[in-house]
């Protein structure tokens, strides 16, 4: 194929495909929320559970699974950079027996059924407290200089550490190079939420003191945000350079800052608490799609779904895709079905041609909702 034809094909695949409806669901591996259902299942059990999820997504007339493959500086796939995940085999660094590559399996089985796979990675979390296997294979032991210990069993990569940034970049690029994924996905975990460290400041004061020697660095919060911004920009550029047809998506916390929009009366400020600035990322076009987590009802006086969606749409200066995340477990029975159907209608009326459900378990446990979806919006 001539080079110009190849470029045209990649452009068509990446950008024209975004005009099609994005019907996705998150499948979480951390703490065995969705898959696998528990650590240490046999290979056959893991495969059977995966097939059931894939076929349930297909049968609901959905087309994308956002699969968590790196919950905590580990891997639910074959990697030379990070160890096999505890959430997969029950022991950090232990491969599945009999051996198989879970990500490759998910990709092949999903594509065979017309389902796309976006590999979901946590860029900075080094250890989750539900991990019961901290051993010599953990990054806590192998690269101590990159991580910081928090309260409550959490460990975190230090975002301002250049080597820590390069470590996570290498993980992203490795997956894009070796696997036929349709996308790379980050959620809202950048710096840790304050509760992860009992409300105490992130323990990077030693690095901050060193950085203050730079005349241009005067504010710690700006310093932290600058590192996250640099990382996001590098991820986007790197993916485009390696495989332009692979989408990069981010799912930030649903409210950028308190009072943005004006009704958003919240005490949580992701800009100054987890040092994420998705408004800047959208305005600069540093991802192909954004899925703000709009986990509230339409009639909520402080966090109304359509009002929040309007605010995110208003920031979309680069005409990227805004595919909001909605949370099924906020509702029950007919109220849930009606609320979700109404939110999807609002989404379509506002020309947002995609939606992401949190999470698969909520979808699985609500057959009435799936039935209504395929009779209406997902017909």
Protein backbone atom coordinates (compact mmCIF):
# COMPACT_ATOMS: atom_id res chain seq x y z
CA UNK A 1 0.00 0.00 0.00
CA UNK A 2 1.32 3.42 -0.92
CA UNK A 3 2.19 5.73 1.96
CA UNK A 4 -0.51 8.28 1.07
CA UNK A 5 -3.16 5.57 0.99
CA UNK A 6 -2.02 4.33 4.39
CA UNK A 7 -2.17 7.83 5.89
CA UNK A 8 -5.65 8.33 4.45
CA UNK A 9 -6.81 5.00 5.86
CA UNK A 10 -5.49 5.81 9.35
CA UNK A 11 -7.13 9.24 9.27
CA UNK A 12 -10.43 7.70 8.17
CA UNK A 13 -10.28 4.99 10.83
CA UNK A 14 -9.53 7.35 13.69
CA UNK A 15 -11.68 10.35 12.93
CA UNK A 16 -14.58 9.10 10.81
CA UNK A 17 -15.20 6.26 13.28
CA UNK A 18 -15.80 8.87 15.99
CA UNK A 19 -18.98 9.87 14.14
CA UNK A 20 -20.38 6.46 15.03
CA UNK A 21 -22.06 5.99 18.40
CA UNK A 22 -19.75 5.01 21.25
CA UNK A 23 -21.55 2.59 23.59
CA UNK A 24 -19.06 1.56 26.24
CA UNK A 25 -18.82 0.02 29.68
CA UNK A 26 -16.00 0.00 32.22
CA UNK A 27 -14.74 -3.43 33.30
CA UNK A 28 -12.62 -2.97 36.44
CA UNK A 29 -10.00 -5.39 37.70
CA UNK A 30 -8.90 -3.48 40.83
CA UNK A 31 -10.18 -5.23 43.96
CA UNK A 32 -11.77 -7.72 41.50
CA UNK A 33 -14.75 -5.41 41.02
CA UNK A 34 -15.79 -6.84 37.63
CA UNK A 35 -13.16 -9.23 36.27
CA UNK A 36 -11.82 -11.63 37.29
CA UNK A 37 -14.37 -12.13 40.06
CA UNK A 38 -11.60 -13.13 42.47
CA UNK A 39 -7.83 -13.56 42.38
CA UNK A 40 -6.36 -16.95 41.56
CA UNK A 41 -9.11 -18.38 39.37
CA UNK A 42 -8.02 -21.00 36.86
CA UNK A 43 -7.26 -19.95 33.29
CA UNK A 44 -10.45 -21.62 32.13
CA UNK A 45 -12.55 -19.82 34.74
CA UNK A 46 -11.01 -16.47 33.81
CA UNK A 47 -11.69 -17.07 30.12
CA UNK A 48 -15.28 -18.17 30.77
CA UNK A 49 -15.97 -15.05 32.84
CA UNK A 50 -14.45 -12.86 30.12
CA UNK A 51 -16.57 -14.46 27.38
CA UNK A 52 -19.74 -13.93 29.43
CA UNK A 53 -18.93 -10.22 29.80
CA UNK A 54 -18.09 -9.78 26.13
CA UNK A 55 -21.25 -11.53 24.99
CA UNK A 56 -23.42 -9.61 27.44
CA UNK A 57 -22.02 -6.35 26.05
CA UNK A 58 -22.65 -7.55 22.50
CA UNK A 59 -26.18 -8.70 23.34
CA UNK A 60 -26.96 -5.26 24.78
CA UNK A 61 -26.04 -3.76 21.38
CA UNK A 62 -23.00 -2.02 22.86
CA UNK A 63 -19.69 -1.80 21.04
CA UNK A 64 -16.80 -1.03 23.41
CA UNK A 65 -15.26 -2.45 26.59
CA UNK A 66 -12.89 -0.28 28.62
CA UNK A 67 -10.84 -3.00 30.31
CA UNK A 68 -8.60 -2.21 33.28
CA UNK A 69 -5.26 -3.86 32.55
CA UNK A 70 -2.98 -1.87 34.88
CA UNK A 71 -4.72 -1.21 38.20
CA UNK A 72 -1.57 -0.57 40.30
CA UNK A 73 1.78 -0.68 38.49
CA UNK A 74 1.09 -4.28 37.55
CA UNK A 75 -0.17 -6.06 34.46
CA UNK A 76 -3.08 -8.22 33.39
CA UNK A 77 -1.06 -9.01 30.27
CA UNK A 78 2.45 -10.23 29.45
CA UNK A 79 4.90 -7.46 30.33
CA UNK A 80 8.64 -7.09 30.76
CA UNK A 81 8.12 -3.76 32.54
CA UNK A 82 5.71 -4.63 35.36
CA UNK A 83 4.74 -7.83 37.18
CA UNK A 84 1.66 -9.98 36.75
CA UNK A 85 -1.21 -8.63 38.82
CA UNK A 86 -2.30 -10.01 42.16
CA UNK A 87 -5.90 -9.44 41.05
CA UNK A 88 -5.34 -11.97 38.27
CA UNK A 89 -3.41 -14.83 39.85
CA UNK A 90 -3.44 -14.10 43.59
CA UNK A 91 0.32 -13.51 43.70
CA UNK A 92 2.22 -10.55 42.30
CA UNK A 93 4.52 -11.67 39.51
CA UNK A 94 2.90 -15.09 39.06
CA UNK A 95 1.70 -15.77 35.47
CA UNK A 96 -1.55 -17.61 34.72
CA UNK A 97 -1.35 -21.42 34.67
CA UNK A 98 -1.85 -22.84 32.10
CA UNK A 99 -0.29 -19.79 30.51
CA UNK A 100 -2.28 -17.37 28.36
CA UNK A 101 -2.15 -13.62 27.75
CA UNK A 102 -5.42 -12.15 29.11
CA UNK A 103 -5.27 -8.89 27.13
CA UNK A 104 -4.61 -10.73 23.89
CA UNK A 105 -7.50 -13.08 24.71
CA UNK A 106 -9.89 -10.19 25.43
CA UNK A 107 -8.90 -8.40 22.22
CA UNK A 108 -9.32 -11.47 20.01
CA UNK A 109 -12.62 -12.59 21.53
CA UNK A 110 -14.04 -9.05 21.55
CA UNK A 111 -13.03 -8.24 17.98
CA UNK A 112 -14.50 -11.54 16.85
CA UNK A 113 -17.84 -10.33 18.21
CA UNK A 114 -17.59 -6.78 16.90
CA UNK A 115 -16.56 -5.25 20.24
CA UNK A 116 -13.65 -2.79 20.59
CA UNK A 117 -11.21 -2.87 23.50
CA UNK A 118 -9.76 0.21 25.17
CA UNK A 119 -6.95 -0.65 27.60
CA UNK A 120 -7.56 1.22 30.86
CA UNK A 121 -4.46 2.11 32.89
CA UNK A 122 -3.97 3.89 36.20
CA UNK A 123 -0.98 6.14 35.49
CA UNK A 124 0.24 6.74 39.06
CA UNK A 125 -1.25 4.26 41.55
CA UNK A 126 1.53 1.90 42.67
CA UNK A 127 -0.40 -0.16 45.22
CA UNK A 128 -4.04 -0.52 46.21
CA UNK A 129 -4.83 -1.60 49.81
CA UNK A 130 -6.81 -4.61 48.55
CA UNK A 131 -3.57 -6.08 47.17
CA UNK A 132 -2.64 -8.98 49.46
CA UNK A 133 0.63 -9.83 47.75
CA UNK A 134 3.40 -7.29 48.24
CA UNK A 135 6.59 -9.15 47.44
CA UNK A 136 9.95 -8.73 45.72
CA UNK A 137 8.23 -8.24 42.35
CA UNK A 138 6.31 -5.11 43.40
CA UNK A 139 7.52 -1.71 42.27
CA UNK A 140 7.59 -0.84 45.97
CA UNK A 141 10.62 -3.14 46.16
CA UNK A 142 12.07 -2.96 42.65
CA UNK A 143 11.97 0.82 42.13
CA UNK A 144 11.65 2.34 45.59
CA UNK A 145 12.96 5.68 44.39
CA UNK A 146 9.88 6.21 42.20
CA UNK A 147 7.15 5.66 44.80
CA UNK A 148 5.88 7.34 47.95
CA UNK A 149 3.93 5.71 50.77
CA UNK A 150 0.55 7.10 51.77
CA UNK A 151 -1.76 6.19 54.62
CA UNK A 152 -4.27 3.34 54.47
CA UNK A 153 -2.16 0.93 52.40
CA UNK A 154 -1.74 3.10 49.30
CA UNK A 155 1.54 3.70 47.47
CA UNK A 156 1.84 6.23 44.65
CA UNK A 157 4.26 7.01 41.87
CA UNK A 158 5.68 10.50 42.35
CA UNK A 159 4.33 12.47 39.35
CA UNK A 160 7.06 15.11 39.48
CA UNK A 161 9.78 12.46 39.33
CA UNK A 162 10.98 12.33 35.72
CA UNK A 163 11.90 8.65 35.99
CA UNK A 164 8.45 7.82 37.35
CA UNK A 165 6.88 9.64 34.41
CA UNK A 166 9.07 7.77 31.95
CA UNK A 167 8.17 4.49 33.63
CA UNK A 168 4.44 5.02 33.05
CA UNK A 169 5.05 6.32 29.53
CA UNK A 170 6.97 3.14 28.72
CA UNK A 171 3.99 1.06 29.89
CA UNK A 172 1.58 2.97 27.64
CA UNK A 173 3.84 2.81 24.60
CA UNK A 174 4.56 -0.88 25.15
CA UNK A 175 0.85 -1.78 25.05
CA UNK A 176 0.21 0.35 21.96
CA UNK A 177 3.15 -1.21 20.13
CA UNK A 178 2.46 -4.87 20.98
CA UNK A 179 -1.32 -5.15 21.19
CA UNK A 180 -4.14 -4.50 18.77
CA UNK A 181 -6.03 -2.27 21.19
CA UNK A 182 -8.53 0.28 19.92
CA UNK A 183 -7.77 2.81 22.63
CA UNK A 184 -5.84 3.75 25.76
CA UNK A 185 -7.88 5.07 28.68
CA UNK A 186 -7.17 6.91 31.96
CA UNK A 187 -9.78 7.57 34.63
CA UNK A 188 -9.73 10.23 37.39
CA UNK A 189 -6.82 8.95 39.49
CA UNK A 190 -3.93 11.36 39.04
CA UNK A 191 -2.62 12.57 42.38
CA UNK A 192 -4.41 10.60 45.11
CA UNK A 193 -7.70 11.75 46.58
CA UNK A 194 -7.09 13.43 49.99
CA UNK A 195 -8.79 10.58 51.90
CA UNK A 196 -6.10 8.15 50.69
CA UNK A 197 -3.60 9.94 52.90
CA UNK A 198 -5.94 10.79 55.79
CA UNK A 199 -6.26 14.34 54.51
CA UNK A 200 -2.53 15.00 54.73
CA UNK A 201 -0.58 16.61 51.91
CA UNK A 202 1.08 14.41 49.30
CA UNK A 203 4.53 13.52 50.75
CA UNK A 204 6.72 15.06 48.06
CA UNK A 205 8.16 17.90 50.13
CA UNK A 206 11.76 16.79 49.61
CA UNK A 207 11.41 17.10 45.83
CA UNK A 208 9.53 20.37 46.22
CA UNK A 209 12.36 21.90 48.24
CA UNK A 210 14.81 20.95 45.50
CA UNK A 211 12.56 22.33 42.79
CA UNK A 212 12.25 25.71 44.49
CA UNK A 213 15.84 26.38 43.44
CA UNK A 214 14.38 26.99 39.98
CA UNK A 215 13.51 30.69 39.71
CA UNK A 216 10.38 29.97 37.64
CA UNK A 217 8.81 27.51 40.11
CA UNK A 218 7.01 29.41 42.88
CA UNK A 219 3.79 27.48 43.59
CA UNK A 220 3.61 23.84 44.67
CA UNK A 221 0.17 23.22 43.17
CA UNK A 222 1.23 24.66 39.82
CA UNK A 223 4.39 22.55 39.97
CA UNK A 224 2.35 19.38 40.47
CA UNK A 225 -0.19 20.24 37.78
CA UNK A 226 2.59 21.04 35.34
CA UNK A 227 3.96 17.51 35.71
CA UNK A 228 0.55 15.92 35.12
CA UNK A 229 -0.07 18.18 32.11
CA UNK A 230 3.31 17.26 30.65
CA UNK A 231 2.56 13.56 31.10
CA UNK A 232 -0.87 13.80 29.42
CA UNK A 233 0.59 15.70 26.49
CA UNK A 234 3.38 13.13 26.05
CA UNK A 235 0.92 10.21 26.17
CA UNK A 236 -1.24 11.76 23.46
CA UNK A 237 1.69 12.60 21.19
CA UNK A 238 3.35 9.24 21.75
CA UNK A 239 0.25 7.22 20.87
CA UNK A 240 -0.29 9.29 17.73
CA UNK A 241 3.30 8.70 16.69
CA UNK A 242 3.18 4.93 17.25
CA UNK A 243 -0.35 4.12 16.01
CA UNK A 244 -2.47 7.09 14.89
CA UNK A 245 -5.60 4.92 14.75
CA UNK A 246 -5.51 4.18 18.50
CA UNK A 247 -7.70 6.57 20.48
CA UNK A 248 -6.60 8.18 23.75
CA UNK A 249 -9.39 8.87 26.22
CA UNK A 250 -9.60 10.40 29.70
CA UNK A 251 -12.43 10.14 32.22
CA UNK A 252 -11.98 12.98 34.73
CA UNK A 253 -14.00 13.74 37.83
CA UNK A 254 -17.31 15.20 36.65
CA UNK A 255 -16.84 18.75 37.99
CA UNK A 256 -13.76 20.69 36.94
CA UNK A 257 -13.80 23.09 39.92
CA UNK A 258 -16.42 24.30 42.40
CA UNK A 259 -18.88 26.74 40.78
CA UNK A 260 -17.94 25.55 37.26
CA UNK A 261 -20.79 25.53 36.26
CA UNK A 262 -22.31 27.96 38.74
CA UNK A 263 -24.72 25.41 40.30
CA UNK A 264 -21.84 23.04 41.22
CA UNK A 265 -21.69 23.66 44.95
CA UNK A 266 -19.00 21.16 45.93
CA UNK A 267 -16.06 21.22 48.33
CA UNK A 268 -13.97 18.90 46.15
CA UNK A 269 -11.63 20.68 43.76
CA UNK A 270 -9.73 18.32 41.45
CA UNK A 271 -7.63 21.26 40.20
CA UNK A 272 -6.10 21.84 43.66
CA UNK A 273 -6.60 18.42 45.30
CA UNK A 274 -5.60 15.81 42.71
CA UNK A 275 -3.89 18.42 40.48
CA UNK A 276 -5.78 17.48 37.35
CA UNK A 277 -6.79 20.16 34.85
CA UNK A 278 -9.07 18.47 32.31
CA UNK A 279 -10.35 21.87 31.15
CA UNK A 280 -6.87 22.58 29.81
CA UNK A 281 -6.58 19.10 28.29
CA UNK A 282 -9.84 19.54 26.39
CA UNK A 283 -9.03 23.05 25.24
CA UNK A 284 -5.59 21.95 24.03
CA UNK A 285 -6.96 18.77 22.45
CA UNK A 286 -4.59 16.47 24.37
CA UNK A 287 -6.88 13.43 24.01
CA UNK A 288 -9.24 12.08 21.37
CA UNK A 289 -12.21 11.73 23.70
CA UNK A 290 -13.24 12.76 27.19
CA UNK A 291 -15.71 10.92 29.44
CA UNK A 292 -16.35 13.17 32.47
CA UNK A 293 -17.92 11.14 35.24
CA UNK A 294 -21.38 12.73 35.43
CA UNK A 295 -22.71 10.48 38.18
CA UNK A 296 -25.74 12.58 39.15
CA UNK A 297 -29.42 12.74 38.22
CA UNK A 298 -31.09 15.15 35.84
CA UNK A 299 -33.03 16.94 38.59
CA UNK A 300 -30.15 17.22 41.09
CA UNK A 301 -30.14 20.93 42.09
CA UNK A 302 -26.35 21.10 42.59
CA UNK A 303 -25.08 18.63 40.01
CA UNK A 304 -27.70 18.41 37.28
CA UNK A 305 -26.63 16.01 34.53
CA UNK A 306 -27.60 18.22 31.55
CA UNK A 307 -26.14 21.37 33.13
CA UNK A 308 -22.82 19.64 33.77
CA UNK A 309 -22.81 18.18 30.27
CA UNK A 310 -23.39 21.64 28.79
CA UNK A 311 -20.37 22.96 30.71
CA UNK A 312 -18.08 20.23 29.38
CA UNK A 313 -19.38 20.73 25.85
CA UNK A 314 -18.64 24.46 26.14
CA UNK A 315 -14.95 23.71 26.79
CA UNK A 316 -14.60 21.55 23.67
CA UNK A 317 -12.78 24.11 21.50
CA UNK A 318 -10.93 21.44 19.50
CA UNK A 319 -14.09 19.50 18.63
CA UNK A 320 -13.04 16.31 20.38
CA UNK A 321 -15.54 13.64 21.39
CA UNK A 322 -17.36 14.12 24.71
CA UNK A 323 -18.73 10.73 25.77
CA UNK A 324 -19.93 11.17 29.38
CA UNK A 325 -19.79 8.48 32.01
CA UNK A 326 -22.99 7.66 33.90
CA UNK A 327 -23.38 5.62 37.06
CA UNK A 328 -26.10 3.00 37.05
CA UNK A 329 -26.00 2.15 40.76
CA UNK A 330 -27.32 5.58 41.77
CA UNK A 331 -30.84 4.40 41.01
CA UNK A 332 -33.05 1.32 41.31
CA UNK A 333 -35.95 -0.34 39.52
CA UNK A 334 -38.03 1.72 37.11
CA UNK A 335 -36.44 4.91 38.41
CA UNK A 336 -33.09 3.67 37.20
CA UNK A 337 -34.36 2.64 33.78
CA UNK A 338 -36.19 5.94 33.23
CA UNK A 339 -33.28 8.05 34.46
CA UNK A 340 -30.72 6.30 32.26
CA UNK A 341 -32.94 6.42 29.18
CA UNK A 342 -33.57 10.12 29.80
CA UNK A 343 -29.87 10.85 30.21
CA UNK A 344 -29.06 9.06 26.95
CA UNK A 345 -31.79 11.05 25.17
CA UNK A 346 -30.33 14.30 26.52
CA UNK A 347 -26.92 13.13 25.38
CA UNK A 348 -28.14 12.51 21.84
CA UNK A 349 -30.12 15.76 21.73
CA UNK A 350 -26.91 17.62 22.55
CA UNK A 351 -25.06 15.76 19.76
CA UNK A 352 -22.85 13.82 22.19
CA UNK A 353 -22.64 10.55 20.26
CA UNK A 354 -21.45 8.29 23.04
CA UNK A 355 -21.91 7.11 26.62
CA UNK A 356 -19.89 5.04 29.11
CA UNK A 357 -21.54 2.98 31.87
CA UNK A 358 -20.03 2.47 35.32
CA UNK A 359 -19.77 -0.40 35.64
CA UNK A 360 -20.38 -3.81 34.06
CA UNK A 361 -21.79 -5.33 37.27
CA UNK A 362 -24.52 -2.69 37.42
CA UNK A 363 -25.40 -3.38 33.79
CA UNK A 364 -25.37 -7.14 34.37
CA UNK A 365 -27.60 -6.88 37.42
CA UNK A 366 -30.24 -4.84 35.60
CA UNK A 367 -31.74 -6.96 32.80
CA UNK A 368 -34.72 -4.62 32.51
CA UNK A 369 -32.39 -1.77 31.63
CA UNK A 370 -30.56 -3.80 28.98
CA UNK A 371 -33.90 -4.82 27.49
CA UNK A 372 -35.11 -1.22 27.30
CA UNK A 373 -31.81 -0.03 25.83
CA UNK A 374 -31.95 -2.45 22.91
CA UNK A 375 -35.63 -1.57 22.35
CA UNK A 376 -34.91 2.17 22.26
CA UNK A 377 -31.60 4.03 22.09
CA UNK A 378 -29.47 0.95 21.29
CA UNK A 379 -31.97 -0.57 18.89
